[in-house]
Protein backbone atom coordinates (compact mmCIF):
# COMPACT_ATOMS: atom_id res chain seq x y z
CA MET A 1 -38.27 -44.74 14.24
CA ALA A 2 -38.50 -48.17 13.11
CA ILE A 3 -38.46 -51.85 14.49
CA VAL A 4 -36.17 -53.97 12.57
CA PHE A 5 -36.73 -57.57 12.09
CA PRO A 6 -33.46 -59.39 11.24
CA HIS A 7 -35.21 -62.80 10.43
CA ALA A 8 -37.62 -61.18 7.83
CA GLY A 9 -34.81 -59.78 5.47
CA ASP A 10 -34.23 -56.97 7.77
CA LYS A 11 -37.81 -55.63 7.15
CA ALA A 12 -38.44 -52.33 9.23
CA VAL A 13 -41.79 -51.47 10.62
CA GLN A 14 -42.68 -48.42 12.20
CA SER A 15 -42.49 -48.35 15.82
CA VAL A 16 -46.25 -46.80 16.22
CA GLU A 17 -47.36 -49.57 14.01
CA VAL A 18 -45.80 -52.33 16.18
CA VAL A 19 -47.14 -50.76 19.39
CA SER A 20 -50.63 -50.57 18.00
CA ALA A 21 -50.37 -54.26 17.15
CA TRP A 22 -48.98 -54.94 20.70
CA ILE A 23 -52.15 -52.77 22.13
CA GLN A 24 -54.67 -54.84 19.80
CA TYR A 25 -53.08 -58.25 20.55
CA CYS A 26 -53.10 -57.66 24.37
CA GLN A 27 -56.71 -57.19 24.36
CA LEU A 28 -57.54 -59.99 21.61
CA ALA A 29 -55.17 -62.77 22.82
CA PHE A 30 -54.86 -62.20 26.69
CA HIS A 31 -57.77 -60.17 27.47
CA CYS A 32 -55.31 -57.37 28.91
CA SER A 33 -56.08 -53.94 28.39
CA ASP A 34 -53.18 -52.51 30.59
CA TRP A 35 -50.76 -52.84 27.65
CA GLN A 36 -48.07 -50.54 28.93
CA ALA A 37 -47.55 -52.79 32.11
CA PHE A 38 -48.10 -56.26 30.40
CA THR A 39 -45.35 -58.88 30.04
CA MET A 40 -46.21 -60.77 27.05
CA PRO A 41 -45.05 -64.42 26.95
CA ILE A 42 -42.30 -65.02 23.86
CA ASN A 43 -43.61 -68.59 23.34
CA HIS A 44 -40.88 -69.02 20.09
CA VAL A 45 -40.41 -71.96 18.46
CA LYS A 46 -37.67 -72.96 16.00
CA ASN A 47 -39.30 -75.09 13.96
CA GLY A 48 -43.00 -74.70 12.65
CA ILE A 49 -45.73 -72.60 14.11
CA PRO A 50 -46.14 -71.70 17.79
CA LYS A 51 -48.87 -73.41 19.72
CA HIS A 52 -49.63 -71.00 22.07
CA PRO A 53 -50.14 -66.96 21.64
CA GLY A 54 -46.97 -64.88 22.27
CA PHE A 55 -44.57 -62.26 21.11
CA ASP A 56 -43.12 -64.43 18.40
CA SER A 57 -46.44 -65.12 16.69
CA LEU A 58 -47.30 -61.23 16.76
CA CYS A 59 -43.95 -60.70 15.36
CA ARG A 60 -44.73 -63.28 12.31
CA ILE A 61 -47.98 -61.47 11.59
CA LEU A 62 -46.26 -57.95 11.56
CA VAL A 63 -43.69 -59.02 8.89
CA GLY A 64 -46.45 -60.58 6.57
CA GLY A 65 -46.43 -63.35 4.29
CA GLY A 66 -43.00 -65.49 3.59
CA TYR A 67 -42.08 -65.51 7.14
CA VAL A 68 -45.00 -67.30 8.84
CA HIS A 69 -42.88 -70.07 9.55
CA THR A 70 -39.91 -68.36 10.69
CA MET A 71 -39.19 -67.39 14.32
CA GLN A 72 -38.76 -63.89 14.62
CA ALA A 73 -38.53 -63.17 18.50
CA THR A 74 -34.74 -64.24 19.01
CA ASP A 75 -31.97 -62.87 20.96
CA GLN A 76 -30.80 -61.12 17.79
CA PHE A 77 -34.06 -59.38 17.33
CA PHE A 78 -34.16 -58.26 21.23
CA GLU A 79 -30.43 -57.18 20.90
CA GLN A 80 -31.20 -54.86 17.56
CA ASN A 81 -34.56 -53.29 19.08
CA ARG A 82 -33.40 -53.29 22.90
CA ALA A 83 -34.61 -49.54 23.00
CA ARG A 84 -37.91 -50.55 22.75
CA PHE A 85 -38.29 -54.24 23.86
CA LEU A 86 -37.24 -55.54 27.38
CA LYS A 87 -36.86 -59.14 27.59
CA VAL A 88 -37.76 -60.53 30.84
CA ARG A 89 -36.45 -64.09 31.96
CA LYS A 90 -39.06 -66.37 33.40
CA GLY A 91 -41.07 -63.30 33.61
CA THR A 92 -44.69 -64.36 32.91
CA THR A 93 -46.66 -67.68 32.52
CA ASN A 94 -47.69 -69.53 29.68
CA ALA A 95 -51.52 -69.62 30.03
CA GLY A 96 -52.10 -72.76 28.01
CA THR A 97 -49.51 -74.80 30.10
CA GLY A 98 -49.00 -73.16 33.40
CA ARG A 99 -45.30 -73.16 33.22
CA SER A 100 -43.05 -70.00 33.91
CA VAL A 101 -41.79 -68.53 30.36
CA HIS A 102 -39.55 -65.81 29.12
CA GLY A 103 -41.57 -62.59 28.56
CA VAL A 104 -41.10 -59.34 26.96
CA ARG A 105 -42.40 -55.72 27.76
CA LEU A 106 -42.29 -52.55 26.04
CA THR A 107 -39.61 -50.02 27.29
CA PRO A 108 -40.52 -46.25 28.16
CA ALA A 109 -39.04 -45.14 24.92
CA ALA A 110 -41.56 -47.53 22.86
CA ILE A 111 -44.51 -46.17 25.14
CA SER A 112 -43.56 -42.50 24.46
CA GLU A 113 -43.47 -42.97 20.89
CA TRP A 114 -46.97 -44.17 20.89
CA GLU A 115 -48.18 -41.49 23.07
CA SER A 116 -46.71 -38.76 20.91
CA GLU A 117 -48.67 -39.97 17.96
CA LYS A 118 -51.89 -38.07 18.42
CA GLU A 119 -53.25 -37.48 14.96
CA ARG A 120 -53.52 -40.98 13.61
CA ARG A 121 -53.79 -43.46 16.53
CA ASN A 122 -57.14 -44.82 15.52
CA THR A 123 -55.96 -45.44 12.20
CA HIS A 124 -53.18 -47.41 13.45
CA LEU A 125 -55.08 -49.25 15.89
CA ASP A 126 -57.54 -50.07 13.13
CA ASN A 127 -55.09 -51.17 10.84
CA ALA A 128 -53.42 -53.34 13.46
CA GLU A 129 -56.70 -55.26 14.22
CA ARG A 130 -57.04 -55.76 10.38
CA MET A 131 -53.67 -57.62 10.52
CA LEU A 132 -54.73 -59.50 13.28
CA LEU A 133 -58.19 -60.84 12.24
CA ALA A 134 -57.27 -61.38 8.55
CA ASP A 135 -55.92 -64.40 6.68
CA GLN A 136 -51.98 -64.94 7.41
CA GLU A 137 -50.46 -67.27 4.84
CA ASP A 138 -46.94 -68.17 4.05
CA GLU A 139 -45.61 -68.25 0.38
CA GLY A 140 -45.55 -71.53 -1.08
CA ARG A 141 -47.45 -73.03 1.62
CA ASP A 142 -51.39 -73.51 2.26
CA GLU A 143 -51.08 -73.83 6.27
CA PRO A 144 -52.00 -70.67 8.31
CA ILE A 145 -50.86 -69.65 11.67
CA SER A 146 -53.07 -71.44 14.13
CA ALA A 147 -56.27 -69.49 14.98
CA ASP A 148 -55.65 -70.36 18.62
CA THR A 149 -52.22 -69.05 18.45
CA ILE A 150 -53.22 -65.91 17.41
CA ILE A 151 -56.59 -65.11 19.25
CA PRO A 152 -57.94 -68.07 21.55
CA ARG A 153 -61.33 -68.64 20.35
CA PRO A 154 -64.00 -67.92 22.49
CA ASP A 155 -66.61 -70.85 23.22
CA SER A 156 -69.22 -68.47 22.36
CA ALA A 157 -67.85 -67.79 18.83
CA ASP A 158 -69.31 -71.42 18.04
CA SER A 159 -72.95 -71.00 18.87
CA HIS A 160 -74.08 -69.18 15.75
CA ARG A 161 -72.81 -72.23 13.61
CA PRO A 162 -74.66 -75.44 13.19
CA ALA A 163 -72.10 -78.55 13.34
CA VAL A 164 -71.16 -79.37 9.69
CA THR A 165 -73.08 -82.25 8.78
CA GLN A 166 -72.33 -83.72 5.19
CA ASN A 167 -75.76 -85.26 3.47
CA ALA A 168 -75.64 -88.49 1.56
CA ALA A 169 -73.93 -88.02 -1.96
CA HIS A 170 -76.45 -86.98 -4.72
CA ASP A 171 -75.82 -84.47 -7.48
CA LEU A 172 -77.43 -81.64 -8.65
CA SER A 173 -76.76 -79.26 -11.94
CA PHE A 174 -75.04 -76.33 -11.15
CA PRO A 175 -77.82 -73.84 -11.24
CA LYS A 176 -79.93 -76.21 -9.00
CA LEU A 177 -77.10 -76.48 -6.45
CA VAL A 178 -76.69 -72.84 -6.14
CA GLU A 179 -80.31 -72.46 -5.77
CA SER A 180 -80.19 -74.79 -2.92
CA LEU A 181 -76.87 -73.11 -1.37
CA VAL A 182 -79.10 -69.70 -1.55
CA ASP A 183 -81.95 -71.12 0.22
CA SER A 184 -79.93 -72.87 3.01
CA ILE A 185 -78.35 -69.81 4.05
CA HIS A 186 -81.31 -67.58 3.76
CA ASN A 187 -83.21 -70.14 6.01
CA ALA A 188 -80.42 -70.63 8.59
CA PRO A 189 -80.22 -68.50 11.86
CA PHE A 190 -77.77 -65.83 11.83
CA GLN A 191 -76.02 -63.66 14.59
CA ALA A 192 -72.85 -61.26 13.79
CA TYR A 193 -70.28 -61.56 16.40
CA TYR A 194 -67.28 -59.54 17.09
CA ARG A 195 -64.41 -60.83 19.28
CA GLY A 196 -66.55 -63.91 20.27
CA ARG A 197 -69.67 -61.64 21.35
CA PRO A 198 -72.67 -60.97 19.73
CA ILE A 199 -73.10 -57.43 18.10
CA PRO A 200 -76.17 -55.63 19.77
CA ARG A 201 -77.48 -53.65 16.96
CA ALA A 202 -77.34 -56.87 14.73
CA LEU A 203 -79.87 -58.91 16.20
CA ALA A 204 -80.14 -62.88 15.83
CA SER A 205 -82.27 -63.42 12.63
CA LYS A 206 -82.24 -65.03 9.20
CA GLY A 207 -81.73 -64.07 5.67
CA TRP A 208 -79.48 -62.54 3.31
CA GLN A 209 -80.43 -59.12 3.73
CA GLN A 210 -79.64 -59.46 7.27
CA ARG A 211 -76.33 -60.96 6.70
CA HIS A 212 -75.12 -57.98 4.45
CA ASP A 213 -76.59 -55.11 6.37
CA SER A 214 -74.79 -56.32 9.54
CA TYR A 215 -71.44 -56.08 7.61
CA PHE A 216 -68.36 -54.52 9.28
CA TRP A 217 -64.69 -54.74 8.85
CA PRO A 218 -62.44 -54.65 10.95
CA ASN A 219 -64.91 -53.55 13.98
CA PRO A 220 -68.50 -52.55 14.30
CA ASN A 221 -67.45 -48.98 14.21
CA ARG A 222 -66.71 -49.27 10.38
CA GLY A 223 -69.94 -50.85 8.74
CA PHE A 224 -71.03 -51.27 5.16
CA ALA A 225 -71.02 -47.20 4.49
CA GLU A 226 -67.60 -46.91 5.67
CA ASN A 227 -65.93 -49.77 3.91
CA ALA A 228 -68.02 -49.17 0.66
CA GLU A 229 -66.90 -45.24 0.69
CA GLU A 230 -63.15 -46.75 0.84
CA THR A 231 -63.27 -49.55 -1.54
CA ALA A 232 -64.81 -47.25 -4.07
CA LYS A 233 -62.01 -45.06 -4.07
CA PHE A 234 -59.83 -48.08 -4.77
CA VAL A 235 -62.00 -49.28 -7.97
CA SER A 236 -62.32 -45.73 -9.32
CA ARG A 237 -58.29 -45.52 -9.36
CA PHE A 238 -58.26 -48.80 -11.08
CA VAL A 239 -60.12 -47.30 -13.92
CA PRO A 240 -57.65 -45.65 -15.93
CA LEU A 241 -55.21 -48.83 -15.41
CA ALA A 242 -57.87 -51.18 -16.52
CA GLN A 243 -58.94 -49.09 -19.74
CA LYS A 244 -55.00 -49.30 -20.80
CA ILE A 245 -55.01 -52.96 -19.98
CA MET A 246 -58.07 -53.97 -22.03
CA PRO A 247 -56.74 -53.83 -25.60
CA SER A 248 -53.88 -55.90 -24.81
CA ILE A 249 -55.93 -58.86 -23.26
CA VAL A 250 -59.30 -58.79 -25.21
CA GLU A 251 -57.96 -61.48 -27.83
CA ILE A 252 -57.00 -64.82 -26.23
CA THR A 253 -54.32 -65.19 -28.95
CA ALA A 254 -52.83 -62.03 -28.22
CA PRO A 255 -49.11 -61.68 -27.52
CA THR A 256 -48.70 -61.47 -23.72
CA PRO A 257 -48.68 -57.65 -22.54
CA VAL A 258 -45.67 -55.96 -21.60
CA LEU A 259 -45.60 -53.66 -18.57
CA GLU A 260 -43.80 -50.87 -19.95
CA ARG A 261 -45.70 -50.68 -23.15
CA VAL A 262 -48.95 -50.72 -21.21
CA TRP A 263 -48.52 -48.62 -18.36
CA ASP A 264 -45.99 -45.54 -18.29
CA ALA A 265 -44.23 -44.68 -15.14
CA ALA A 266 -46.95 -42.66 -13.40
CA CYS A 267 -49.51 -45.53 -13.91
CA GLN A 268 -46.96 -48.30 -12.44
CA LYS A 269 -46.48 -46.03 -9.44
CA THR A 270 -50.34 -45.71 -9.16
CA ALA A 271 -50.94 -49.34 -9.32
CA LYS A 272 -48.13 -50.19 -6.74
CA ASN A 273 -49.36 -47.88 -4.23
CA LEU A 274 -52.88 -48.80 -4.58
CA ALA A 275 -52.08 -52.39 -4.14
CA LEU A 276 -50.44 -51.74 -1.09
CA GLU A 277 -53.20 -49.40 0.37
CA ILE A 278 -55.71 -52.60 -0.58
CA PHE A 279 -53.37 -54.87 1.43
CA THR A 280 -53.68 -52.42 4.29
CA TRP A 281 -57.35 -52.22 4.08
CA GLY A 282 -57.77 -56.04 4.13
CA GLY A 283 -55.01 -56.60 6.79
CA VAL A 284 -52.96 -58.74 4.52
CA PRO A 285 -49.47 -57.16 4.08
CA GLN A 286 -47.35 -58.58 1.05
CA ASN A 287 -43.63 -58.62 0.86
CA GLY A 288 -41.85 -57.70 -2.14
CA VAL A 289 -44.80 -55.95 -4.05
CA THR A 290 -43.58 -54.62 -7.51
CA GLU A 291 -45.21 -53.05 -10.33
CA GLN A 292 -44.85 -56.20 -12.41
CA LYS A 293 -46.51 -58.43 -9.96
CA VAL A 294 -49.55 -55.78 -9.94
CA PHE A 295 -49.70 -55.82 -13.46
CA GLU A 296 -49.73 -59.56 -14.23
CA VAL A 297 -52.59 -59.90 -11.36
CA ALA A 298 -54.65 -56.96 -13.05
CA CYS A 299 -54.14 -58.55 -16.38
CA ASN A 300 -55.74 -61.67 -14.91
CA ALA A 301 -58.45 -60.10 -13.29
CA ALA A 302 -59.22 -57.90 -16.51
CA ALA A 303 -59.33 -60.83 -18.70
CA GLY A 304 -61.25 -63.13 -16.44
CA ARG A 305 -58.79 -65.80 -17.26
CA ILE A 306 -54.90 -66.80 -17.13
CA VAL A 307 -52.79 -64.32 -18.85
CA PHE A 308 -49.70 -64.48 -16.72
CA ARG A 309 -49.46 -68.18 -15.07
CA ARG A 310 -46.90 -66.57 -12.67
CA ALA A 311 -49.38 -64.02 -11.29
CA LEU A 312 -49.76 -64.20 -7.59
CA MET A 313 -52.77 -65.27 -5.99
CA ASN A 314 -53.66 -65.77 -2.40
CA SER A 315 -55.66 -63.80 0.47
CA GLY A 316 -54.23 -60.57 -0.39
CA TRP A 317 -53.87 -60.91 -4.09
CA THR A 318 -57.77 -62.05 -4.34
CA LYS A 319 -58.46 -58.28 -3.08
CA VAL A 320 -56.48 -56.72 -5.77
CA ALA A 321 -57.89 -58.51 -8.46
CA ALA A 322 -61.38 -58.36 -7.33
CA PHE A 323 -61.05 -54.51 -7.03
CA ALA A 324 -59.58 -54.31 -10.55
CA SER A 325 -62.25 -56.66 -12.06
CA GLU A 326 -64.78 -53.97 -10.73
CA ALA A 327 -63.33 -50.97 -12.75
CA LEU A 328 -65.04 -51.68 -15.94
CA PRO A 329 -68.41 -53.13 -15.34
CA SER A 330 -69.50 -52.73 -18.95
CA MET A 331 -66.57 -55.15 -20.00
CA ILE A 332 -65.51 -57.14 -17.09
CA GLU A 333 -67.54 -59.36 -14.77
CA THR A 334 -67.02 -58.39 -11.24
CA GLN A 335 -65.18 -61.05 -9.36
CA ALA A 336 -65.51 -61.75 -5.68
CA ILE A 337 -62.94 -61.64 -2.95
CA TRP A 338 -62.33 -65.51 -2.59
CA ASP A 339 -60.87 -65.54 1.18
CA SER A 340 -61.15 -68.00 4.25
CA ARG A 341 -64.78 -66.35 5.24
CA VAL A 342 -66.16 -66.35 1.78
CA SER A 343 -65.04 -69.93 1.01
CA THR A 344 -66.02 -71.18 4.46
CA ALA A 345 -69.49 -69.61 3.96
CA ILE A 346 -70.16 -71.27 0.86
CA ILE A 347 -68.33 -74.68 1.26
CA GLY A 348 -69.76 -74.97 4.75
CA ASN A 349 -73.34 -74.93 3.34
CA LEU A 350 -72.67 -76.52 0.31
CA ASP A 351 -71.55 -79.47 2.70
CA GLU A 352 -75.23 -79.86 3.66
CA ILE A 353 -76.51 -80.37 0.13
CA VAL A 354 -73.86 -82.36 -1.73
CA ASN A 355 -70.66 -84.44 -1.60
CA PRO A 356 -67.59 -82.70 -2.42
CA SER A 357 -66.96 -85.87 -5.33
CA ALA A 358 -70.46 -84.91 -6.78
CA PRO A 359 -70.29 -84.64 -10.74
CA SER A 360 -71.52 -81.02 -10.69
CA LEU A 361 -68.41 -80.07 -8.78
CA ALA A 362 -65.97 -81.80 -11.08
CA ASN A 363 -65.03 -78.82 -13.10
CA LEU A 364 -64.86 -76.44 -10.01
CA GLU A 365 -61.61 -75.65 -8.43
CA LEU A 366 -63.44 -75.22 -4.94
CA ARG A 367 -61.10 -74.72 -2.29
CA ILE A 368 -61.25 -73.92 1.47
CA ILE A 369 -58.97 -71.16 2.01
CA PRO A 370 -56.85 -71.17 5.05
CA GLY A 371 -58.10 -68.54 7.94
CA ARG A 372 -58.12 -67.76 11.53
CA GLY A 373 -60.75 -66.43 13.96
CA GLY A 374 -64.52 -67.28 15.01
CA SER A 375 -65.58 -70.82 14.16
CA ARG A 376 -63.56 -71.03 10.99
CA PRO A 377 -61.07 -73.34 12.43
CA ALA A 378 -63.16 -75.70 13.59
CA VAL A 379 -65.80 -75.78 10.64
CA GLN A 380 -62.83 -76.06 8.21
CA SER A 381 -61.01 -78.86 9.99
CA ALA A 382 -64.46 -80.92 9.70
CA LEU A 383 -64.63 -80.31 6.14
CA ARG A 384 -61.03 -81.24 5.36
CA SER A 385 -62.00 -84.71 6.98
CA LYS A 386 -64.64 -85.19 4.52
CA GLY A 387 -62.76 -84.46 1.36
CA TRP A 388 -63.14 -80.95 0.73
CA ARG A 389 -60.09 -79.48 -0.82
CA TYR A 390 -58.00 -77.28 1.44
CA GLY A 391 -55.58 -74.47 0.54
CA TRP A 392 -55.20 -72.13 -2.69
CA GLY A 393 -53.83 -75.30 -4.63
CA GLY A 394 -50.44 -74.49 -5.69
CA ASN A 395 -50.77 -73.30 -9.68
CA ARG A 396 -54.54 -73.85 -9.52
CA ALA A 397 -54.90 -70.75 -7.04
CA TRP A 398 -56.32 -68.57 -9.87
CA ALA A 399 -58.70 -71.13 -10.55
CA ALA A 400 -59.89 -71.17 -7.28
CA HIS A 401 -60.31 -67.38 -7.45
CA PHE A 402 -62.27 -67.79 -10.43
CA THR A 403 -64.46 -70.54 -9.29
CA GLY A 404 -65.47 -68.21 -6.23
CA ALA A 405 -66.41 -65.51 -8.78
CA LYS A 406 -68.59 -67.78 -10.72
CA ILE A 407 -70.50 -69.05 -7.83
CA VAL A 408 -71.07 -65.59 -6.34
CA LYS A 409 -72.09 -64.52 -9.75
CA GLU A 410 -74.84 -67.41 -9.80
CA ILE A 411 -76.01 -66.54 -6.25
CA CYS A 412 -76.40 -62.73 -7.35
CA THR A 413 -78.57 -63.80 -10.30
CA VAL A 414 -80.76 -66.25 -7.91
CA LEU A 415 -81.30 -63.45 -5.49
CA ASN A 416 -82.21 -60.91 -7.90
CA ALA A 417 -84.59 -63.16 -9.27
CA ASN A 418 -86.65 -63.49 -6.37
CA LEU A 419 -86.07 -60.11 -4.28
CA LYS A 420 -89.71 -60.36 -2.70
CA ARG A 421 -88.47 -63.39 -1.04
CA PHE A 422 -84.81 -62.78 -0.24
CA GLY A 423 -84.81 -58.85 0.33
CA ALA A 424 -82.18 -56.48 -1.11
CA PRO A 425 -79.21 -54.69 0.68
CA SER A 426 -80.55 -51.64 2.46
CA GLU A 427 -78.39 -49.28 0.07
CA SER A 428 -79.82 -50.76 -2.99
CA ASN A 429 -82.77 -52.30 -4.98
CA GLN A 430 -80.92 -55.18 -6.04
CA TRP A 431 -77.92 -57.82 -5.34
CA SER A 432 -74.26 -56.88 -7.02
CA ASN A 433 -71.41 -59.45 -6.63
CA ARG A 434 -70.01 -57.20 -4.46
CA SER A 435 -73.15 -57.03 -2.08
CA VAL A 436 -73.19 -60.94 -2.05
CA GLU A 437 -69.56 -61.31 -1.11
CA MET A 438 -70.33 -58.91 1.97
CA ALA A 439 -73.04 -61.08 3.07
CA LEU A 440 -70.92 -64.04 2.69
CA PHE A 441 -68.08 -62.54 4.67
CA MET A 442 -70.61 -62.16 7.61
CA GLU A 443 -71.93 -65.75 7.11
CA GLY A 444 -68.16 -67.26 7.14
CA TYR A 445 -67.18 -65.72 10.55
């Protein structure tokens, strides 16, 4: 059975997926474990984004990109889904204002459907947590849902990041700039956090290796090994798709490739399903995914340049591009996932080294990607006030993705040139672009 969202093009989401998100959201946003009896404030707004956590914000996440700025928890929604949600007038309190507000509860039917789902409960809960912790963007806009609207940020989440302080303007060559960036991150104290609390198995320390080895997504039960196994399958399935693309994009002057001439029906089906699985893994559901859209992104990634100017790019599609680029390592330079965590890690540390107007940055489309959770909202706000560019930049979005890949590649080179000092990931004797990205992912929380 499905929950229908009338203000998101009648998008249908399976009831068990919605209840899974309800369970995780109760814990993340309201610190409530009694999800069956909980009355969640609706806290909807007609225009803009809600200022306080509530059921309307949860619905906006569930329907994915394109509807972040559209109110979902309306009377029409409750009428269509009355078998699973009970609206309670003035049934709870807005924790932010102390006022009595309308709330919503799960019906016995919704709870029963969840309880009957025994085999895949943990999978649904993991996927729900991914969505709640991942970047959420609206199509055509750079502003995300407010972090505090989704998950109020515990004070302790700030404790491991120093205040962003920009040094006096000066300039360095690009290689020297990256060397300074590597040193800055290596020497800074680091503590891995989960839901605002330090992780016991990842003790406070310094270094690139420590950041990498503490990697997890979306929770500490799924560390590096579990994610590496899953993402390796994405890459292997991209191999035959990328092999078919390469002849048509290897020459810059070649005609724009045509989907039907490059991928047959079986390849197109594989590509679309693969993209959808990557979005699920990353917690970044996308609407209107087609074979053509996946093809365009894969072509740009394989070429390492713009083949299709209309190819999509955001915190979801950067993951598809990254795994597509990894499929043929002898022919394609592996690109990093350029999301809010990685961009905040790099720019937040660059801010202590160089001014955003420095000449060495002039040819780089270096942009902070909007994100939620941890200390990112406060850090990103401070960086924006100092002149660092924010958001994907409209038609410059692919330039931002390629800039991230360039910086990560140079970091990888610096680390591998001095393994005795920086160490290497526990599973390998050297750094790769992907392992650098994982370390930055943890740094950027």
